[in-house]
Protein backbone atom coordinates (compact mmCIF):
# COMPACT_ATOMS: atom_id res chain seq x y z
CA MET A 1 -20.76 23.97 -29.94
CA TRP A 2 -17.91 25.01 -28.09
CA THR A 3 -18.67 27.05 -25.36
CA PHE A 4 -19.59 23.25 -23.92
CA VAL A 5 -16.68 20.85 -25.34
CA VAL A 6 -13.95 23.65 -23.77
CA PRO A 7 -15.59 23.90 -20.35
CA MET A 8 -16.03 19.71 -20.46
CA VAL A 9 -12.31 19.26 -21.64
CA LEU A 10 -11.08 21.49 -19.17
CA MET A 11 -12.81 19.53 -16.31
CA VAL A 12 -11.54 16.44 -17.78
CA GLY A 13 -8.04 17.59 -17.56
CA ILE A 14 -8.54 18.75 -14.26
CA PHE A 15 -9.79 15.58 -12.89
CA TYR A 16 -7.08 13.85 -14.43
CA PHE A 17 -4.29 16.27 -12.90
CA LEU A 18 -5.33 16.13 -9.60
CA LEU A 19 -7.63 13.27 -9.12
CA ILE A 20 -6.50 9.67 -11.80
CA ARG A 21 -2.54 10.69 -11.83
CA PRO A 22 -1.68 10.96 -8.20
CA GLN A 23 -3.55 7.96 -7.70
CA GLN A 24 -1.66 6.20 -9.62
CA ARG A 25 1.52 7.06 -8.44
CA LYS A 26 0.27 6.09 -5.10
CA ALA A 27 -0.22 2.94 -6.14
CA LYS A 28 2.98 2.26 -8.41
CA GLU A 29 4.43 3.44 -5.55
CA HIS A 30 2.69 0.68 -2.91
CA LYS A 31 3.31 -2.14 -5.36
CA GLN A 32 7.11 -1.16 -5.27
CA PHE A 33 6.78 -1.48 -1.64
CA LEU A 34 5.02 -4.37 -1.47
CA GLU A 35 7.63 -5.65 -4.49
CA ASN A 36 10.31 -4.82 -1.72
CA LEU A 37 9.77 -6.36 1.43
CA LYS A 38 11.94 -8.76 3.18
CA ARG A 39 12.22 -10.87 6.39
CA GLY A 40 12.96 -9.49 9.56
CA ASP A 41 11.25 -6.07 8.26
CA ARG A 42 8.41 -4.93 10.47
CA VAL A 43 5.29 -3.77 9.60
CA ILE A 44 1.89 -2.71 10.13
CA THR A 45 -1.65 -3.80 8.11
CA ALA A 46 -4.75 -2.06 6.87
CA GLY A 47 -6.40 -3.98 9.97
CA GLY A 48 -3.75 -2.67 12.26
CA LEU A 49 -1.76 -5.50 13.11
CA CYS A 50 1.62 -4.54 13.88
CA GLY A 51 4.28 -7.75 13.61
CA GLU A 52 7.61 -8.39 11.65
CA ILE A 53 7.83 -10.73 8.64
CA THR A 54 8.91 -14.49 9.25
CA ALA A 55 8.33 -15.54 6.12
CA LEU A 56 7.44 -14.33 2.24
CA GLY A 57 5.27 -16.06 -0.50
CA ASP A 58 3.83 -14.94 -3.78
CA ASN A 59 0.69 -13.64 -2.36
CA THR A 60 0.76 -14.13 1.39
CA LEU A 61 2.98 -13.03 4.04
CA THR A 62 3.55 -14.25 7.73
CA LEU A 63 3.81 -12.18 10.84
CA GLU A 64 5.03 -12.62 13.57
CA ILE A 65 2.66 -10.08 16.25
CA ALA A 66 3.73 -11.40 19.46
CA ASP A 67 6.06 -14.10 20.67
CA LYS A 68 5.66 -17.67 18.77
CA ILE A 69 2.50 -16.08 17.70
CA ARG A 70 2.51 -16.13 13.01
CA VAL A 71 -1.39 -15.25 10.63
CA GLU A 72 -1.03 -14.82 7.58
CA VAL A 73 -1.57 -12.06 5.65
CA GLY A 74 -2.30 -10.87 1.89
CA ARG A 75 0.46 -9.02 0.83
CA GLY A 76 -2.03 -6.22 -0.81
CA TYR A 77 -3.02 -5.69 2.93
CA ILE A 78 0.14 -4.23 3.84
CA ALA A 79 -0.12 -0.76 4.58
CA GLY A 80 3.34 0.41 5.26
CA PHE A 81 6.19 0.16 7.43
CA ALA A 82 5.24 -0.40 11.16
CA PRO A 83 6.98 1.81 14.01
CA LYS A 84 10.17 0.42 15.90
CA LYS A 85 9.11 -1.79 18.71
CA SER A 86 9.74 -0.31 22.30
CA GLY A 87 11.33 -2.24 25.13
């Protein structure tokens, strides 16, 4: 019996520390990132659109991706900060 239980417990422990815990930490950091977004930040979406935040809502935000071209995007689809606009 112990020859089965001990390896299973070790495998669960390894999976927790190598897979589950880092994923939870990353999700927490992304949630905090989304909560701290503000008007004027330049971000990139999961689909690859880069733009500047012009308006914020509870679940959505508005990005200006070109002069006077604005799109509304769900907060969850913001991947991170975009590189600074060149030129």
